[in-house]
Amino acid sequence: MLNNASKKVADAALALGKKAANQACITWFNQPKEPAMMKQFHKVK
């Protein structure tokens, strides 16, 4: 029972983290960038 609850909490935290990461990514992409930075970023991806 406790295990199941903690798994749900972990899943929720993970989902929240993914959402925050996506939002940060979108914000970053919406800002004007240097083309060199974009190339560097795509290389990392």
PDB file of N, CA and C in Angstrom:
ATOM      1  N   MET A   1       0.839  -1.206   0.000  1.00  0.00           N
ATOM      2  CA  MET A   1       0.000   0.000   0.000  1.00  0.00           C
ATOM      3  C   MET A   1       0.871   1.252   0.000  1.00  0.00           C
ATOM      4  N   LEU A   2       1.816   1.287   0.919  1.00  0.00           N
ATOM      5  CA  LEU A   2       2.708   2.440   1.014  1.00  0.00           C
ATOM      6  C   LEU A   2       3.536   2.563  -0.262  1.00  0.00           C
ATOM      7  N   ASN A   3       3.986   1.418  -0.766  1.00  0.00           N
ATOM      8  CA  ASN A   3       4.772   1.402  -1.995  1.00  0.00           C
ATOM      9  C   ASN A   3       3.997   2.006  -3.157  1.00  0.00           C
ATOM     10  N   ASN A   4       2.728   1.611  -3.260  1.00  0.00           N
ATOM     11  CA  ASN A   4       1.884   2.092  -4.339  1.00  0.00           C
ATOM     12  C   ASN A   4       1.703   3.603  -4.256  1.00  0.00           C
ATOM     13  N   ALA A   5       1.505   4.110  -3.043  1.00  0.00           N
ATOM     14  CA  ALA A   5       1.311   5.545  -2.840  1.00  0.00           C
ATOM     15  C   ALA A   5       2.571   6.315  -3.214  1.00  0.00           C
ATOM     16  N   SER A   6       3.717   5.812  -2.788  1.00  0.00           N
ATOM     17  CA  SER A   6       4.962   6.516  -3.079  1.00  0.00           C
ATOM     18  C   SER A   6       5.265   6.473  -4.577  1.00  0.00           C
ATOM     19  N   LYS A   7       4.834   5.401  -5.242  1.00  0.00           N
ATOM     20  CA  LYS A   7       5.028   5.318  -6.694  1.00  0.00           C
ATOM     21  C   LYS A   7       4.189   6.384  -7.392  1.00  0.00           C
ATOM     22  N   LYS A   8       2.962   6.561  -6.904  1.00  0.00           N
ATOM     23  CA  LYS A   8       2.078   7.577  -7.482  1.00  0.00           C
ATOM     24  C   LYS A   8       2.676   8.968  -7.296  1.00  0.00           C
ATOM     25  N   VAL A   9       3.221   9.207  -6.118  1.00  0.00           N
ATOM     26  CA  VAL A   9       3.842  10.505  -5.830  1.00  0.00           C
ATOM     27  C   VAL A   9       5.046  10.718  -6.746  1.00  0.00           C
ATOM     28  N   ALA A  10       5.848   9.670  -6.913  1.00  0.00           N
ATOM     29  CA  ALA A  10       7.025   9.760  -7.776  1.00  0.00           C
ATOM     30  C   ALA A  10       6.610  10.014  -9.222  1.00  0.00           C
ATOM     31  N   ASP A  11       5.572   9.329  -9.678  1.00  0.00           N
ATOM     32  CA  ASP A  11       5.076   9.520 -11.047  1.00  0.00           C
ATOM     33  C   ASP A  11       4.575  10.949 -11.242  1.00  0.00           C
ATOM     34  N   ALA A  12       3.863  11.459 -10.243  1.00  0.00           N
ATOM     35  CA  ALA A  12       3.339  12.820 -10.326  1.00  0.00           C
ATOM     36  C   ALA A  12       4.481  13.833 -10.379  1.00  0.00           C
ATOM     37  N   ALA A  13       5.498  13.605  -9.552  1.00  0.00           N
ATOM     38  CA  ALA A  13       6.651  14.507  -9.531  1.00  0.00           C
ATOM     39  C   ALA A  13       7.380  14.465 -10.869  1.00  0.00           C
ATOM     40  N   LEU A  14       7.490  13.278 -11.437  1.00  0.00           N
ATOM     41  CA  LEU A  14       8.155  13.108 -12.726  1.00  0.00           C
ATOM     42  C   LEU A  14       7.382  13.841 -13.823  1.00  0.00           C
ATOM     43  N   ALA A  15       6.062  13.681 -13.813  1.00  0.00           N
ATOM     44  CA  ALA A  15       5.217  14.343 -14.807  1.00  0.00           C
ATOM     45  C   ALA A  15       5.347  15.859 -14.683  1.00  0.00           C
ATOM     46  N   LEU A  16       5.360  16.338 -13.451  1.00  0.00           N
ATOM     47  CA  LEU A  16       5.492  17.772 -13.190  1.00  0.00           C
ATOM     48  C   LEU A  16       6.843  18.275 -13.692  1.00  0.00           C
ATOM     49  N   GLY A  17       7.873  17.496 -13.434  1.00  0.00           N
ATOM     50  CA  GLY A  17       9.221  17.857 -13.880  1.00  0.00           C
ATOM     51  C   GLY A  17       9.311  17.919 -15.396  1.00  0.00           C
ATOM     52  N   LYS A  18       8.676  16.954 -16.063  1.00  0.00           N
ATOM     53  CA  LYS A  18       8.674  16.934 -17.529  1.00  0.00           C
ATOM     54  C   LYS A  18       7.952  18.161 -18.064  1.00  0.00           C
ATOM     55  N   LYS A  19       6.832  18.501 -17.443  1.00  0.00           N
ATOM     56  CA  LYS A  19       6.043  19.649 -17.875  1.00  0.00           C
ATOM     57  C   LYS A  19       6.865  20.932 -17.720  1.00  0.00           C
ATOM     58  N   ALA A  20       7.553  21.051 -16.587  1.00  0.00           N
ATOM     59  CA  ALA A  20       8.382  22.229 -16.330  1.00  0.00           C
ATOM     60  C   ALA A  20       9.531  22.308 -17.333  1.00  0.00           C
ATOM     61  N   ALA A  21      10.116  21.158 -17.631  1.00  0.00           N
ATOM     62  CA  ALA A  21      11.225  21.119 -18.592  1.00  0.00           C
ATOM     63  C   ALA A  21      10.739  21.523 -19.978  1.00  0.00           C
ATOM     64  N   ASN A  22       9.571  21.024 -20.373  1.00  0.00           N
ATOM     65  CA  ASN A  22       8.995  21.386 -21.671  1.00  0.00           C
ATOM     66  C   ASN A  22       8.727  22.881 -21.736  1.00  0.00           C
ATOM     67  N   GLN A  23       8.178  23.438 -20.656  1.00  0.00           N
ATOM     68  CA  GLN A  23       7.860  24.862 -20.613  1.00  0.00           C
ATOM     69  C   GLN A  23       9.131  25.690 -20.742  1.00  0.00           C
ATOM     70  N   ALA A  24      10.198  25.266 -20.045  1.00  0.00           N
ATOM     71  CA  ALA A  24      11.475  25.977 -20.111  1.00  0.00           C
ATOM     72  C   ALA A  24      12.035  25.913 -21.526  1.00  0.00           C
ATOM     73  N   CYS A  25      11.888  24.759 -22.158  1.00  0.00           N
ATOM     74  CA  CYS A  25      12.368  24.564 -23.528  1.00  0.00           C
ATOM     75  C   CYS A  25      11.620  25.494 -24.482  1.00  0.00           C
ATOM     76  N   ILE A  26      10.305  25.560 -24.335  1.00  0.00           N
ATOM     77  CA  ILE A  26       9.472  26.410 -25.188  1.00  0.00           C
ATOM     78  C   ILE A  26       9.857  27.872 -24.993  1.00  0.00           C
ATOM     79  N   THR A  27      10.019  28.277 -23.746  1.00  0.00           N
ATOM     80  CA  THR A  27      10.406  29.653 -23.438  1.00  0.00           C
ATOM     81  C   THR A  27      11.743  29.974 -24.084  1.00  0.00           C
ATOM     82  N   TRP A  28      12.680  29.032 -23.955  1.00  0.00           N
ATOM     83  CA  TRP A  28      14.022  29.218 -24.513  1.00  0.00           C
ATOM     84  C   TRP A  28      13.955  29.357 -26.025  1.00  0.00           C
ATOM     85  N   PHE A  29      13.147  28.506 -26.673  1.00  0.00           N
ATOM     86  CA  PHE A  29      13.043  28.526 -28.136  1.00  0.00           C
ATOM     87  C   PHE A  29      12.352  29.787 -28.634  1.00  0.00           C
ATOM     88  N   ASN A  30      11.473  30.368 -27.821  1.00  0.00           N
ATOM     89  CA  ASN A  30      10.732  31.552 -28.250  1.00  0.00           C
ATOM     90  C   ASN A  30      11.560  32.830 -28.150  1.00  0.00           C
ATOM     91  N   GLN A  31      12.706  32.748 -27.487  1.00  0.00           N
ATOM     92  CA  GLN A  31      13.572  33.920 -27.397  1.00  0.00           C
ATOM     93  C   GLN A  31      14.469  33.991 -28.625  1.00  0.00           C
ATOM     94  N   PRO A  32      14.816  35.205 -29.072  1.00  0.00           N
ATOM     95  CA  PRO A  32      15.757  35.316 -30.190  1.00  0.00           C
ATOM     96  C   PRO A  32      17.112  34.720 -29.813  1.00  0.00           C
ATOM     97  N   LYS A  33      17.669  33.921 -30.685  1.00  0.00           N
ATOM     98  CA  LYS A  33      18.920  33.217 -30.372  1.00  0.00           C
ATOM     99  C   LYS A  33      19.992  33.519 -31.392  1.00  0.00           C
ATOM    100  N   GLU A  34      21.189  33.219 -31.007  1.00  0.00           N
ATOM    101  CA  GLU A  34      22.307  33.252 -31.944  1.00  0.00           C
ATOM    102  C   GLU A  34      22.273  31.948 -32.743  1.00  0.00           C
ATOM    103  N   PRO A  35      22.447  32.014 -34.057  1.00  0.00           N
ATOM    104  CA  PRO A  35      22.455  30.787 -34.866  1.00  0.00           C
ATOM    105  C   PRO A  35      23.495  29.780 -34.380  1.00  0.00           C
ATOM    106  N   ALA A  36      24.634  30.261 -33.925  1.00  0.00           N
ATOM    107  CA  ALA A  36      25.693  29.369 -33.442  1.00  0.00           C
ATOM    108  C   ALA A  36      25.205  28.576 -32.227  1.00  0.00           C
ATOM    109  N   MET A  37      24.459  29.241 -31.351  1.00  0.00           N
ATOM    110  CA  MET A  37      23.921  28.577 -30.158  1.00  0.00           C
ATOM    111  C   MET A  37      22.929  27.492 -30.563  1.00  0.00           C
ATOM    112  N   MET A  38      22.120  27.788 -31.575  1.00  0.00           N
ATOM    113  CA  MET A  38      21.141  26.818 -32.042  1.00  0.00           C
ATOM    114  C   MET A  38      21.848  25.578 -32.587  1.00  0.00           C
ATOM    115  N   LYS A  39      22.889  25.796 -33.378  1.00  0.00           N
ATOM    116  CA  LYS A  39      23.640  24.668 -33.932  1.00  0.00           C
ATOM    117  C   LYS A  39      24.226  23.829 -32.808  1.00  0.00           C
ATOM    118  N   GLN A  40      24.772  24.495 -31.805  1.00  0.00           N
ATOM    119  CA  GLN A  40      25.365  23.804 -30.659  1.00  0.00           C
ATOM    120  C   GLN A  40      24.289  22.982 -29.946  1.00  0.00           C
ATOM    121  N   PHE A  41      23.126  23.577 -29.769  1.00  0.00           N
ATOM    122  CA  PHE A  41      22.032  22.911 -29.070  1.00  0.00           C
ATOM    123  C   PHE A  41      21.578  21.663 -29.828  1.00  0.00           C
ATOM    124  N   HIS A  42      21.439  21.790 -31.150  1.00  0.00           N
ATOM    125  CA  HIS A  42      20.976  20.654 -31.945  1.00  0.00           C
ATOM    126  C   HIS A  42      22.012  19.534 -31.972  1.00  0.00           C
ATOM    127  N   LYS A  43      23.275  19.915 -31.863  1.00  0.00           N
ATOM    128  CA  LYS A  43      24.343  18.912 -31.821  1.00  0.00           C
ATOM    129  C   LYS A  43      24.207  18.074 -30.547  1.00  0.00           C
ATOM    130  N   VAL A  44      23.878  18.734 -29.448  1.00  0.00           N
ATOM    131  CA  VAL A  44      23.742  18.069 -28.146  1.00  0.00           C
ATOM    132  C   VAL A  44      22.533  17.133 -28.157  1.00  0.00           C
ATOM    133  N   LYS A  45      21.451  17.566 -28.789  1.00  0.00           N
ATOM    134  CA  LYS A  45      20.192  16.817 -28.785  1.00  0.00           C
ATOM    135  C   LYS A  45      20.329  15.425 -29.337  1.00  0.00           C
TER     136      LYS A  45
END
